[in-house]
Structures are given as structure tokens and as C-alpha cells.
Amino acid sequence: MRLISMFKPELTVDDYPIDTRFHSDSEPSRPSRLKPIPWTATIINWPGMSGGGNTRLEALEDLRKSFDRFRATKKALPRPGTKVPIEFAAHERVGQHAQTVQVGFHFSD
């Protein structure tokens, strides 16, 4: 896929290796107000590029929407099969959410 993608003028989500998984309805380890999502679809080696749904097709469609949003905001797409580095927010952008930053993380011993 990676070699073929070098000759394509425009990449689509179908050019990437996708992993779909079903998560059984096991009880969460702690109470949550969030409903578990039974199906997820992710692009392999691309952290954060994923979708979820009640069916495999819904998860794939959600992944397609995420991919299209990314493509609309970024200039270049990573080549299929390459590892995409994790992207962190800039310090200035994090500072815009002072209330969230003040909460911080608390670890118990």
C-alpha cells in the first residue's frame, strides 16, 4: 500500500490499513456516565485516528468522517503504513483552558 500510495494524487481512508475491533459488553471497572462503544475502527500506526459505533459499519463511517476532517485541516497526509508521531498541543493553546490546567492530575500512593 505504501508504494502504491506514492503514485496516487489524492489519498482516501481506503488506502490505509484499518483495524476494526469488537469490545464485549463487560462491566466497566468503575461507574461511568458514558455508554460503552462496542465497535472501534483505527488506522494502524496513526494514534488518535479512530472511529466508534454500535456496529462495525458505524465505526468505519465514523473513522471516515474523522479522516475527512483531518484532511480538510492539514496540508499533507502521512503515507499509508508509516508511523505517525503523537502531536501535542502548543503551550499557548493549553493556556487558553486555564480551568482544566488547574485541575491537574492527582495520584494516590
PDB file of N, CA and C in Angstrom:
ATOM      1  N   MET A   1       0.812  -1.189   0.000  1.00  0.00           N
ATOM      2  CA  MET A   1       0.000   0.000   0.000  1.00  0.00           C
ATOM      3  C   MET A   1       0.860   1.258   0.000  1.00  0.00           C
ATOM      4  N   ARG A   2       1.940   1.208   0.789  1.00  0.00           N
ATOM      5  CA  ARG A   2       2.793   2.384   0.894  1.00  0.00           C
ATOM      6  C   ARG A   2       3.384   2.757  -0.459  1.00  0.00           C
ATOM      7  N   LEU A   3       3.874   1.772  -1.214  1.00  0.00           N
ATOM      8  CA  LEU A   3       4.470   2.037  -2.519  1.00  0.00           C
ATOM      9  C   LEU A   3       3.426   2.546  -3.504  1.00  0.00           C
ATOM     10  N   ILE A   4       2.270   1.924  -3.527  1.00  0.00           N
ATOM     11  CA  ILE A   4       1.207   2.351  -4.439  1.00  0.00           C
ATOM     12  C   ILE A   4       0.756   3.770  -4.122  1.00  0.00           C
ATOM     13  N   SER A   5       0.729   4.116  -2.822  1.00  0.00           N
ATOM     14  CA  SER A   5       0.250   5.441  -2.428  1.00  0.00           C
ATOM     15  C   SER A   5       1.145   6.566  -2.937  1.00  0.00           C
ATOM     16  N   MET A   6       2.394   6.276  -3.240  1.00  0.00           N
ATOM     17  CA  MET A   6       3.304   7.311  -3.735  1.00  0.00           C
ATOM     18  C   MET A   6       2.918   7.801  -5.123  1.00  0.00           C
ATOM     19  N   PHE A   7       2.141   7.014  -5.836  1.00  0.00           N
ATOM     20  CA  PHE A   7       1.745   7.391  -7.188  1.00  0.00           C
ATOM     21  C   PHE A   7       0.305   7.907  -7.263  1.00  0.00           C
ATOM     22  N   LYS A   8      -0.375   7.945  -6.133  1.00  0.00           N
ATOM     23  CA  LYS A   8      -1.754   8.429  -6.108  1.00  0.00           C
ATOM     24  C   LYS A   8      -1.759   9.923  -5.836  1.00  0.00           C
ATOM     25  N   PRO A   9      -2.508  10.701  -6.608  1.00  0.00           N
ATOM     26  CA  PRO A   9      -2.549  12.149  -6.370  1.00  0.00           C
ATOM     27  C   PRO A   9      -3.307  12.521  -5.093  1.00  0.00           C
ATOM     28  N   GLU A  10      -4.304  11.728  -4.720  1.00  0.00           N
ATOM     29  CA  GLU A  10      -5.082  12.026  -3.520  1.00  0.00           C
ATOM     30  C   GLU A  10      -5.394  10.734  -2.778  1.00  0.00           C
ATOM     31  N   LEU A  11      -5.056  10.728  -1.486  1.00  0.00           N
ATOM     32  CA  LEU A  11      -5.285   9.545  -0.669  1.00  0.00           C
ATOM     33  C   LEU A  11      -6.671   9.585  -0.032  1.00  0.00           C
ATOM     34  N   THR A  12      -7.250   8.403   0.153  1.00  0.00           N
ATOM     35  CA  THR A  12      -8.519   8.271   0.863  1.00  0.00           C
ATOM     36  C   THR A  12      -8.300   7.337   2.042  1.00  0.00           C
ATOM     37  N   VAL A  13      -9.275   7.251   2.920  1.00  0.00           N
ATOM     38  CA  VAL A  13      -9.159   6.378   4.082  1.00  0.00           C
ATOM     39  C   VAL A  13      -9.004   4.919   3.644  1.00  0.00           C
ATOM     40  N   ASP A  14      -9.507   4.571   2.479  1.00  0.00           N
ATOM     41  CA  ASP A  14      -9.416   3.192   1.982  1.00  0.00           C
ATOM     42  C   ASP A  14      -7.992   2.793   1.612  1.00  0.00           C
ATOM     43  N   ASP A  15      -7.077   3.767   1.508  1.00  0.00           N
ATOM     44  CA  ASP A  15      -5.684   3.472   1.186  1.00  0.00           C
ATOM     45  C   ASP A  15      -4.874   3.059   2.413  1.00  0.00           C
ATOM     46  N   TYR A  16      -5.444   3.195   3.590  1.00  0.00           N
ATOM     47  CA  TYR A  16      -4.730   2.931   4.840  1.00  0.00           C
ATOM     48  C   TYR A  16      -5.129   1.580   5.433  1.00  0.00           C
ATOM     49  N   PRO A  17      -4.183   0.930   6.150  1.00  0.00           N
ATOM     50  CA  PRO A  17      -4.533  -0.320   6.834  1.00  0.00           C
ATOM     51  C   PRO A  17      -5.412  -0.003   8.050  1.00  0.00           C
ATOM     52  N   ILE A  18      -6.572  -0.636   8.128  1.00  0.00           N
ATOM     53  CA  ILE A  18      -7.545  -0.346   9.176  1.00  0.00           C
ATOM     54  C   ILE A  18      -7.760  -1.587  10.042  1.00  0.00           C
ATOM     55  N   ASP A  19      -7.839  -1.354  11.332  1.00  0.00           N
ATOM     56  CA  ASP A  19      -8.108  -2.414  12.295  1.00  0.00           C
ATOM     57  C   ASP A  19      -9.474  -2.143  12.911  1.00  0.00           C
ATOM     58  N   THR A  20     -10.394  -3.113  12.818  1.00  0.00           N
ATOM     59  CA  THR A  20     -11.697  -2.987  13.470  1.00  0.00           C
ATOM     60  C   THR A  20     -11.757  -4.012  14.595  1.00  0.00           C
ATOM     61  N   ARG A  21     -12.338  -3.588  15.714  1.00  0.00           N
ATOM     62  CA  ARG A  21     -12.420  -4.472  16.877  1.00  0.00           C
ATOM     63  C   ARG A  21     -13.782  -4.371  17.543  1.00  0.00           C
ATOM     64  N   PHE A  22     -14.234  -5.506  18.036  1.00  0.00           N
ATOM     65  CA  PHE A  22     -15.459  -5.571  18.819  1.00  0.00           C
ATOM     66  C   PHE A  22     -15.076  -5.697  20.282  1.00  0.00           C
ATOM     67  N   HIS A  23     -15.672  -4.861  21.118  1.00  0.00           N
ATOM     68  CA  HIS A  23     -15.424  -4.886  22.559  1.00  0.00           C
ATOM     69  C   HIS A  23     -16.676  -5.433  23.227  1.00  0.00           C
ATOM     70  N   SER A  24     -16.525  -6.548  23.923  1.00  0.00           N
ATOM     71  CA  SER A  24     -17.682  -7.185  24.549  1.00  0.00           C
ATOM     72  C   SER A  24     -18.293  -6.272  25.607  1.00  0.00           C
ATOM     73  N   ASP A  25     -19.511  -6.545  25.975  1.00  0.00           N
ATOM     74  CA  ASP A  25     -20.237  -5.726  26.942  1.00  0.00           C
ATOM     75  C   ASP A  25     -19.839  -6.058  28.374  1.00  0.00           C
ATOM     76  N   SER A  26     -18.563  -6.084  28.636  1.00  0.00           N
ATOM     77  CA  SER A  26     -18.122  -6.369  30.002  1.00  0.00           C
ATOM     78  C   SER A  26     -18.399  -5.159  30.888  1.00  0.00           C
ATOM     79  N   GLU A  27     -18.557  -5.421  32.158  1.00  0.00           N
ATOM     80  CA  GLU A  27     -18.838  -4.353  33.115  1.00  0.00           C
ATOM     81  C   GLU A  27     -17.612  -3.451  33.256  1.00  0.00           C
ATOM     82  N   PRO A  28     -17.825  -2.118  33.246  1.00  0.00           N
ATOM     83  CA  PRO A  28     -16.693  -1.218  33.453  1.00  0.00           C
ATOM     84  C   PRO A  28     -16.138  -1.371  34.873  1.00  0.00           C
ATOM     85  N   SER A  29     -14.852  -1.088  35.037  1.00  0.00           N
ATOM     86  CA  SER A  29     -14.213  -1.247  36.342  1.00  0.00           C
ATOM     87  C   SER A  29     -14.685  -0.192  37.341  1.00  0.00           C
ATOM     88  N   ARG A  30     -15.226   0.912  36.833  1.00  0.00           N
ATOM     89  CA  ARG A  30     -15.771   1.945  37.717  1.00  0.00           C
ATOM     90  C   ARG A  30     -17.014   2.547  37.072  1.00  0.00           C
ATOM     91  N   PRO A  31     -17.897   3.111  37.857  1.00  0.00           N
ATOM     92  CA  PRO A  31     -19.116   3.695  37.294  1.00  0.00           C
ATOM     93  C   PRO A  31     -18.795   4.834  36.335  1.00  0.00           C
ATOM     94  N   SER A  32     -19.577   4.922  35.276  1.00  0.00           N
ATOM     95  CA  SER A  32     -19.353   5.973  34.283  1.00  0.00           C
ATOM     96  C   SER A  32     -20.688   6.381  33.691  1.00  0.00           C
ATOM     97  N   ARG A  33     -20.786   7.631  33.327  1.00  0.00           N
ATOM     98  CA  ARG A  33     -21.996   8.116  32.664  1.00  0.00           C
ATOM     99  C   ARG A  33     -21.932   7.883  31.159  1.00  0.00           C
ATOM    100  N   LEU A  34     -20.762   7.473  30.685  1.00  0.00           N
ATOM    101  CA  LEU A  34     -20.568   7.240  29.258  1.00  0.00           C
ATOM    102  C   LEU A  34     -20.983   5.823  28.887  1.00  0.00           C
ATOM    103  N   LYS A  35     -21.680   5.703  27.779  1.00  0.00           N
ATOM    104  CA  LYS A  35     -22.095   4.393  27.280  1.00  0.00           C
ATOM    105  C   LYS A  35     -20.920   3.761  26.527  1.00  0.00           C
ATOM    106  N   PRO A  36     -20.612   2.504  26.809  1.00  0.00           N
ATOM    107  CA  PRO A  36     -19.502   1.870  26.087  1.00  0.00           C
ATOM    108  C   PRO A  36     -19.794   1.752  24.591  1.00  0.00           C
ATOM    109  N   ILE A  37     -18.770   1.919  23.795  1.00  0.00           N
ATOM    110  CA  ILE A  37     -18.888   1.796  22.341  1.00  0.00           C
ATOM    111  C   ILE A  37     -18.410   0.396  21.967  1.00  0.00           C
ATOM    112  N   PRO A  38     -19.311  -0.433  21.400  1.00  0.00           N
ATOM    113  CA  PRO A  38     -18.931  -1.822  21.139  1.00  0.00           C
ATOM    114  C   PRO A  38     -17.928  -2.010  20.000  1.00  0.00           C
ATOM    115  N   TRP A  39     -17.935  -1.144  18.994  1.00  0.00           N
ATOM    116  CA  TRP A  39     -17.025  -1.306  17.847  1.00  0.00           C
ATOM    117  C   TRP A  39     -16.119  -0.092  17.713  1.00  0.00           C
ATOM    118  N   THR A  40     -14.827  -0.351  17.411  1.00  0.00           N
ATOM    119  CA  THR A  40     -13.895   0.724  17.081  1.00  0.00           C
ATOM    120  C   THR A  40     -13.175   0.374  15.788  1.00  0.00           C
ATOM    121  N   ALA A  41     -12.822   1.413  15.058  1.00  0.00           N
ATOM    122  CA  ALA A  41     -12.032   1.259  13.834  1.00  0.00           C
ATOM    123  C   ALA A  41     -10.883   2.258  13.927  1.00  0.00           C
ATOM    124  N   THR A  42      -9.663   1.795  13.732  1.00  0.00           N
ATOM    125  CA  THR A  42      -8.489   2.665  13.803  1.00  0.00           C
ATOM    126  C   THR A  42      -7.590   2.428  12.604  1.00  0.00           C
ATOM    127  N   ILE A  43      -6.883   3.497  12.217  1.00  0.00           N
ATOM    128  CA  ILE A  43      -5.856   3.350  11.189  1.00  0.00           C
ATOM    129  C   ILE A  43      -4.587   2.919  11.907  1.00  0.00           C
ATOM    130  N   ILE A  44      -4.008   1.825  11.472  1.00  0.00           N
ATOM    131  CA  ILE A  44      -2.828   1.252  12.117  1.00  0.00           C
ATOM    132  C   ILE A  44      -1.664   2.244  12.033  1.00  0.00           C
ATOM    133  N   ASN A  45      -0.949   2.406  13.151  1.00  0.00           N
ATOM    134  CA  ASN A  45       0.205   3.296  13.308  1.00  0.00           C
ATOM    135  C   ASN A  45      -0.156   4.780  13.274  1.00  0.00           C
ATOM    136  N   TRP A  46      -1.432   5.116  13.459  1.00  0.00           N
ATOM    137  CA  TRP A  46      -1.843   6.520  13.458  1.00  0.00           C
ATOM    138  C   TRP A  46      -2.633   6.784  14.731  1.00  0.00           C
ATOM    139  N   PRO A  47      -1.944   7.148  15.830  1.00  0.00           N
ATOM    140  CA  PRO A  47      -2.632   7.374  17.107  1.00  0.00           C
ATOM    141  C   PRO A  47      -3.706   8.460  16.982  1.00  0.00           C
ATOM    142  N   GLY A  48      -4.850   8.183  17.515  1.00  0.00           N
ATOM    143  CA  GLY A  48      -5.917   9.180  17.517  1.00  0.00           C
ATOM    144  C   GLY A  48      -6.806   9.168  16.293  1.00  0.00           C
ATOM    145  N   MET A  49      -6.418   8.504  15.235  1.00  0.00           N
ATOM    146  CA  MET A  49      -7.267   8.442  14.041  1.00  0.00           C
ATOM    147  C   MET A  49      -8.142   7.204  14.183  1.00  0.00           C
ATOM    148  N   SER A  50      -9.321   7.432  14.759  1.00  0.00           N
ATOM    149  CA  SER A  50     -10.209   6.301  15.034  1.00  0.00           C
ATOM    150  C   SER A  50     -11.662   6.725  14.953  1.00  0.00           C
ATOM    151  N   GLY A  51     -12.522   5.741  14.978  1.00  0.00           N
ATOM    152  CA  GLY A  51     -13.958   5.971  14.981  1.00  0.00           C
ATOM    153  C   GLY A  51     -14.628   4.884  15.792  1.00  0.00           C
ATOM    154  N   GLY A  52     -15.833   5.165  16.250  1.00  0.00           N
ATOM    155  CA  GLY A  52     -16.553   4.192  17.046  1.00  0.00           C
ATOM    156  C   GLY A  52     -18.019   4.153  16.679  1.00  0.00           C
ATOM    157  N   GLY A  53     -18.672   3.055  17.019  1.00  0.00           N
ATOM    158  CA  GLY A  53     -20.088   2.930  16.731  1.00  0.00           C
ATOM    159  C   GLY A  53     -20.683   1.670  17.308  1.00  0.00           C
ATOM    160  N   ASN A  54     -21.984   1.544  17.129  1.00  0.00           N
ATOM    161  CA  ASN A  54     -22.697   0.369  17.618  1.00  0.00           C
ATOM    162  C   ASN A  54     -22.522  -0.837  16.706  1.00  0.00           C
ATOM    163  N   THR A  55     -22.129  -0.593  15.451  1.00  0.00           N
ATOM    164  CA  THR A  55     -21.858  -1.673  14.502  1.00  0.00           C
ATOM    165  C   THR A  55     -20.501  -1.422  13.859  1.00  0.00           C
ATOM    166  N   ARG A  56     -19.995  -2.450  13.203  1.00  0.00           N
ATOM    167  CA  ARG A  56     -18.718  -2.303  12.501  1.00  0.00           C
ATOM    168  C   ARG A  56     -18.809  -1.214  11.436  1.00  0.00           C
ATOM    169  N   LEU A  57     -19.917  -1.185  10.700  1.00  0.00           N
ATOM    170  CA  LEU A  57     -20.083  -0.169   9.648  1.00  0.00           C
ATOM    171  C   LEU A  57     -20.158   1.244  10.216  1.00  0.00           C
ATOM    172  N   GLU A  58     -20.813   1.415  11.376  1.00  0.00           N
ATOM    173  CA  GLU A  58     -20.870   2.732  12.014  1.00  0.00           C
ATOM    174  C   GLU A  58     -19.478   3.178  12.440  1.00  0.00           C
ATOM    175  N   ALA A  59     -18.681   2.256  12.961  1.00  0.00           N
ATOM    176  CA  ALA A  59     -17.317   2.588  13.379  1.00  0.00           C
ATOM    177  C   ALA A  59     -16.476   3.000  12.169  1.00  0.00           C
ATOM    178  N   LEU A  60     -16.621   2.284  11.060  1.00  0.00           N
ATOM    179  CA  LEU A  60     -15.877   2.635   9.848  1.00  0.00           C
ATOM    180  C   LEU A  60     -16.322   3.984   9.296  1.00  0.00           C
ATOM    181  N   GLU A  61     -17.611   4.270   9.341  1.00  0.00           N
ATOM    182  CA  GLU A  61     -18.119   5.561   8.867  1.00  0.00           C
ATOM    183  C   GLU A  61     -17.627   6.701   9.762  1.00  0.00           C
ATOM    184  N   ASP A  62     -17.582   6.479  11.067  1.00  0.00           N
ATOM    185  CA  ASP A  62     -17.059   7.495  11.985  1.00  0.00           C
ATOM    186  C   ASP A  62     -15.573   7.732  11.729  1.00  0.00           C
ATOM    187  N   LEU A  63     -14.822   6.665  11.450  1.00  0.00           N
ATOM    188  CA  LEU A  63     -13.407   6.800  11.097  1.00  0.00           C
ATOM    189  C   LEU A  63     -13.265   7.609   9.812  1.00  0.00           C
ATOM    190  N   ARG A  64     -14.114   7.344   8.838  1.00  0.00           N
ATOM    191  CA  ARG A  64     -14.073   8.077   7.568  1.00  0.00           C
ATOM    192  C   ARG A  64     -14.310   9.572   7.800  1.00  0.00           C
ATOM    193  N   LYS A  65     -15.256   9.910   8.672  1.00  0.00           N
ATOM    194  CA  LYS A  65     -15.528  11.316   8.982  1.00  0.00           C
ATOM    195  C   LYS A  65     -14.329  11.973   9.668  1.00  0.00           C
ATOM    196  N   SER A  66     -13.702  11.262  10.601  1.00  0.00           N
ATOM    197  CA  SER A  66     -12.516  11.787  11.276  1.00  0.00           C
ATOM    198  C   SER A  66     -11.391  12.032  10.275  1.00  0.00           C
ATOM    199  N   PHE A  67     -11.205  11.089   9.372  1.00  0.00           N
ATOM    200  CA  PHE A  67     -10.172  11.220   8.342  1.00  0.00           C
ATOM    201  C   PHE A  67     -10.454  12.430   7.450  1.00  0.00           C
ATOM    202  N   ASP A  68     -11.708  12.600   7.034  1.00  0.00           N
ATOM    203  CA  ASP A  68     -12.064  13.735   6.171  1.00  0.00           C
ATOM    204  C   ASP A  68     -11.862  15.067   6.881  1.00  0.00           C
ATOM    205  N   ARG A  69     -12.175  15.133   8.182  1.00  0.00           N
ATOM    206  CA  ARG A  69     -11.933  16.367   8.950  1.00  0.00           C
ATOM    207  C   ARG A  69     -10.436  16.659   9.016  1.00  0.00           C
ATOM    208  N   PHE A  70      -9.630  15.630   9.239  1.00  0.00           N
ATOM    209  CA  PHE A  70      -8.184  15.805   9.299  1.00  0.00           C
ATOM    210  C   PHE A  70      -7.654  16.294   7.949  1.00  0.00           C
ATOM    211  N   ARG A  71      -8.107  15.655   6.895  1.00  0.00           N
ATOM    212  CA  ARG A  71      -7.652  16.015   5.547  1.00  0.00           C
ATOM    213  C   ARG A  71      -8.014  17.465   5.203  1.00  0.00           C
ATOM    214  N   ALA A  72      -9.157  17.940   5.679  1.00  0.00           N
ATOM    215  CA  ALA A  72      -9.600  19.303   5.399  1.00  0.00           C
ATOM    216  C   ALA A  72      -8.760  20.344   6.139  1.00  0.00           C
ATOM    217  N   THR A  73      -8.134  19.969   7.255  1.00  0.00           N
ATOM    218  CA  THR A  73      -7.389  20.947   8.049  1.00  0.00           C
ATOM    219  C   THR A  73      -5.877  20.841   7.909  1.00  0.00           C
ATOM    220  N   LYS A  74      -5.366  19.777   7.363  1.00  0.00           N
ATOM    221  CA  LYS A  74      -3.915  19.575   7.229  1.00  0.00           C
ATOM    222  C   LYS A  74      -3.505  19.637   5.761  1.00  0.00           C
ATOM    223  N   LYS A  75      -2.258  20.042   5.524  1.00  0.00           N
ATOM    224  CA  LYS A  75      -1.775  20.147   4.143  1.00  0.00           C
ATOM    225  C   LYS A  75      -1.351  18.797   3.573  1.00  0.00           C
ATOM    226  N   ALA A  76      -0.656  18.002   4.367  1.00  0.00           N
ATOM    227  CA  ALA A  76      -0.140  16.732   3.849  1.00  0.00           C
ATOM    228  C   ALA A  76      -0.598  15.574   4.726  1.00  0.00           C
ATOM    229  N   LEU A  77      -0.975  14.500   4.079  1.00  0.00           N
ATOM    230  CA  LEU A  77      -1.352  13.286   4.795  1.00  0.00           C
ATOM    231  C   LEU A  77      -0.137  12.380   4.913  1.00  0.00           C
ATOM    232  N   PRO A  78      -0.035  11.637   6.026  1.00  0.00           N
ATOM    233  CA  PRO A  78       1.056  10.673   6.120  1.00  0.00           C
ATOM    234  C   PRO A  78       0.823   9.528   5.141  1.00  0.00           C
ATOM    235  N   ARG A  79       1.890   8.944   4.664  1.00  0.00           N
ATOM    236  CA  ARG A  79       1.785   7.813   3.744  1.00  0.00           C
ATOM    237  C   ARG A  79       1.247   6.594   4.480  1.00  0.00           C
ATOM    238  N   PRO A  80       0.406   5.810   3.835  1.00  0.00           N
ATOM    239  CA  PRO A  80      -0.099   4.593   4.467  1.00  0.00           C
ATOM    240  C   PRO A  80       1.034   3.678   4.903  1.00  0.00           C
ATOM    241  N   GLY A  81       0.901   3.115   6.093  1.00  0.00           N
ATOM    242  CA  GLY A  81       1.898   2.193   6.614  1.00  0.00           C
ATOM    243  C   GLY A  81       3.020   2.851   7.385  1.00  0.00           C
ATOM    244  N   THR A  82       3.123   4.179   7.344  1.00  0.00           N
ATOM    245  CA  THR A  82       4.164   4.856   8.110  1.00  0.00           C
ATOM    246  C   THR A  82       3.633   5.198   9.490  1.00  0.00           C
ATOM    247  N   LYS A  83       4.519   5.274  10.451  1.00  0.00           N
ATOM    248  CA  LYS A  83       4.117   5.592  11.821  1.00  0.00           C
ATOM    249  C   LYS A  83       3.940   7.096  11.952  1.00  0.00           C
ATOM    250  N   VAL A  84       2.803   7.498  12.488  1.00  0.00           N
ATOM    251  CA  VAL A  84       2.501   8.917  12.665  1.00  0.00           C
ATOM    252  C   VAL A  84       2.841   9.294  14.102  1.00  0.00           C
ATOM    253  N   PRO A  85       3.685  10.322  14.297  1.00  0.00           N
ATOM    254  CA  PRO A  85       4.029  10.707  15.665  1.00  0.00           C
ATOM    255  C   PRO A  85       2.834  11.340  16.380  1.00  0.00           C
ATOM    256  N   ILE A  86       2.815  11.217  17.703  1.00  0.00           N
ATOM    257  CA  ILE A  86       1.768  11.848  18.501  1.00  0.00           C
ATOM    258  C   ILE A  86       2.023  13.347  18.509  1.00  0.00           C
ATOM    259  N   GLU A  87       0.975  14.119  18.284  1.00  0.00           N
ATOM    260  CA  GLU A  87       1.097  15.574  18.221  1.00  0.00           C
ATOM    261  C   GLU A  87       0.502  16.177  19.486  1.00  0.00           C
ATOM    262  N   PHE A  88       1.306  16.973  20.189  1.00  0.00           N
ATOM    263  CA  PHE A  88       0.854  17.618  21.414  1.00  0.00           C
ATOM    264  C   PHE A  88       0.460  19.057  21.118  1.00  0.00           C
ATOM    265  N   ALA A  89      -0.464  19.579  21.916  1.00  0.00           N
ATOM    266  CA  ALA A  89      -0.908  20.955  21.750  1.00  0.00           C
ATOM    267  C   ALA A  89       0.187  21.919  22.200  1.00  0.00           C
ATOM    268  N   ALA A  90       0.242  23.090  21.567  1.00  0.00           N
ATOM    269  CA  ALA A  90       1.207  24.121  21.935  1.00  0.00           C
ATOM    270  C   ALA A  90       0.877  24.663  23.322  1.00  0.00           C
ATOM    271  N   HIS A  91       1.903  25.149  24.027  1.00  0.00           N
ATOM    272  CA  HIS A  91       1.732  25.679  25.379  1.00  0.00           C
ATOM    273  C   HIS A  91       0.682  26.802  25.408  1.00  0.00           C
ATOM    274  N   GLU A  92       0.686  27.654  24.407  1.00  0.00           N
ATOM    275  CA  GLU A  92      -0.268  28.761  24.352  1.00  0.00           C
ATOM    276  C   GLU A  92      -1.698  28.249  24.235  1.00  0.00           C
ATOM    277  N   ARG A  93      -1.867  27.211  23.479  1.00  0.00           N
ATOM    278  CA  ARG A  93      -3.206  26.644  23.289  1.00  0.00           C
ATOM    279  C   ARG A  93      -3.707  25.990  24.577  1.00  0.00           C
ATOM    280  N   VAL A  94      -2.829  25.317  25.286  1.00  0.00           N
ATOM    281  CA  VAL A  94      -3.194  24.705  26.551  1.00  0.00           C
ATOM    282  C   VAL A  94      -3.563  25.784  27.560  1.00  0.00           C
ATOM    283  N   GLY A  95      -2.827  26.891  27.544  1.00  0.00           N
ATOM    284  CA  GLY A  95      -3.076  28.005  28.460  1.00  0.00           C
ATOM    285  C   GLY A  95      -4.447  28.636  28.287  1.00  0.00           C
ATOM    286  N   GLN A  96      -5.076  28.458  27.152  1.00  0.00           N
ATOM    287  CA  GLN A  96      -6.409  29.006  26.916  1.00  0.00           C
ATOM    288  C   GLN A  96      -7.468  28.275  27.735  1.00  0.00           C
ATOM    289  N   HIS A  97      -7.112  27.163  28.310  1.00  0.00           N
ATOM    290  CA  HIS A  97      -8.042  26.357  29.095  1.00  0.00           C
ATOM    291  C   HIS A  97      -7.546  26.285  30.532  1.00  0.00           C
ATOM    292  N   ALA A  98      -7.437  27.441  31.156  1.00  0.00           N
ATOM    293  CA  ALA A  98      -6.844  27.549  32.486  1.00  0.00           C
ATOM    294  C   ALA A  98      -7.552  26.679  33.521  1.00  0.00           C
ATOM    295  N   GLN A  99      -8.872  26.602  33.457  1.00  0.00           N
ATOM    296  CA  GLN A  99      -9.604  25.822  34.454  1.00  0.00           C
ATOM    297  C   GLN A  99      -9.217  24.340  34.382  1.00  0.00           C
ATOM    298  N   THR A 100      -9.068  23.830  33.183  1.00  0.00           N
ATOM    299  CA  THR A 100      -8.678  22.428  33.008  1.00  0.00           C
ATOM    300  C   THR A 100      -7.247  22.213  33.488  1.00  0.00           C
ATOM    301  N   VAL A 101      -6.373  23.148  33.192  1.00  0.00           N
ATOM    302  CA  VAL A 101      -4.975  23.020  33.585  1.00  0.00           C
ATOM    303  C   VAL A 101      -4.846  23.035  35.098  1.00  0.00           C
ATOM    304  N   GLN A 102      -5.648  23.844  35.786  1.00  0.00           N
ATOM    305  CA  GLN A 102      -5.569  23.952  37.241  1.00  0.00           C
ATOM    306  C   GLN A 102      -6.003  22.665  37.938  1.00  0.00           C
ATOM    307  N   VAL A 103      -6.895  21.910  37.315  1.00  0.00           N
ATOM    308  CA  VAL A 103      -7.365  20.668  37.930  1.00  0.00           C
ATOM    309  C   VAL A 103      -6.195  19.712  38.091  1.00  0.00           C
ATOM    310  N   GLY A 104      -5.421  19.537  37.044  1.00  0.00           N
ATOM    311  CA  GLY A 104      -4.237  18.691  37.090  1.00  0.00           C
ATOM    312  C   GLY A 104      -4.552  17.231  37.399  1.00  0.00           C
ATOM    313  N   PHE A 105      -3.528  16.472  37.639  1.00  0.00           N
ATOM    314  CA  PHE A 105      -3.654  15.057  37.958  1.00  0.00           C
ATOM    315  C   PHE A 105      -3.233  14.839  39.391  1.00  0.00           C
ATOM    316  N   HIS A 106      -3.948  14.002  40.094  1.00  0.00           N
ATOM    317  CA  HIS A 106      -3.617  13.654  41.469  1.00  0.00           C
ATOM    318  C   HIS A 106      -3.464  12.144  41.553  1.00  0.00           C
ATOM    319  N   PHE A 107      -2.304  11.729  41.969  1.00  0.00           N
ATOM    320  CA  PHE A 107      -2.035  10.306  42.094  1.00  0.00           C
ATOM    321  C   PHE A 107      -2.001   9.938  43.563  1.00  0.00           C
ATOM    322  N   SER A 108      -2.570   8.817  43.893  1.00  0.00           N
ATOM    323  CA  SER A 108      -2.526   8.354  45.290  1.00  0.00           C
ATOM    324  C   SER A 108      -1.424   7.318  45.429  1.00  0.00           C
ATOM    325  N   ASP A 109      -0.853   7.281  46.595  1.00  0.00           N
ATOM    326  CA  ASP A 109       0.247   6.329  46.858  1.00  0.00           C
ATOM    327  C   ASP A 109      -0.276   4.974  47.198  1.00  0.00           C
TER     328      ASP A 109
END
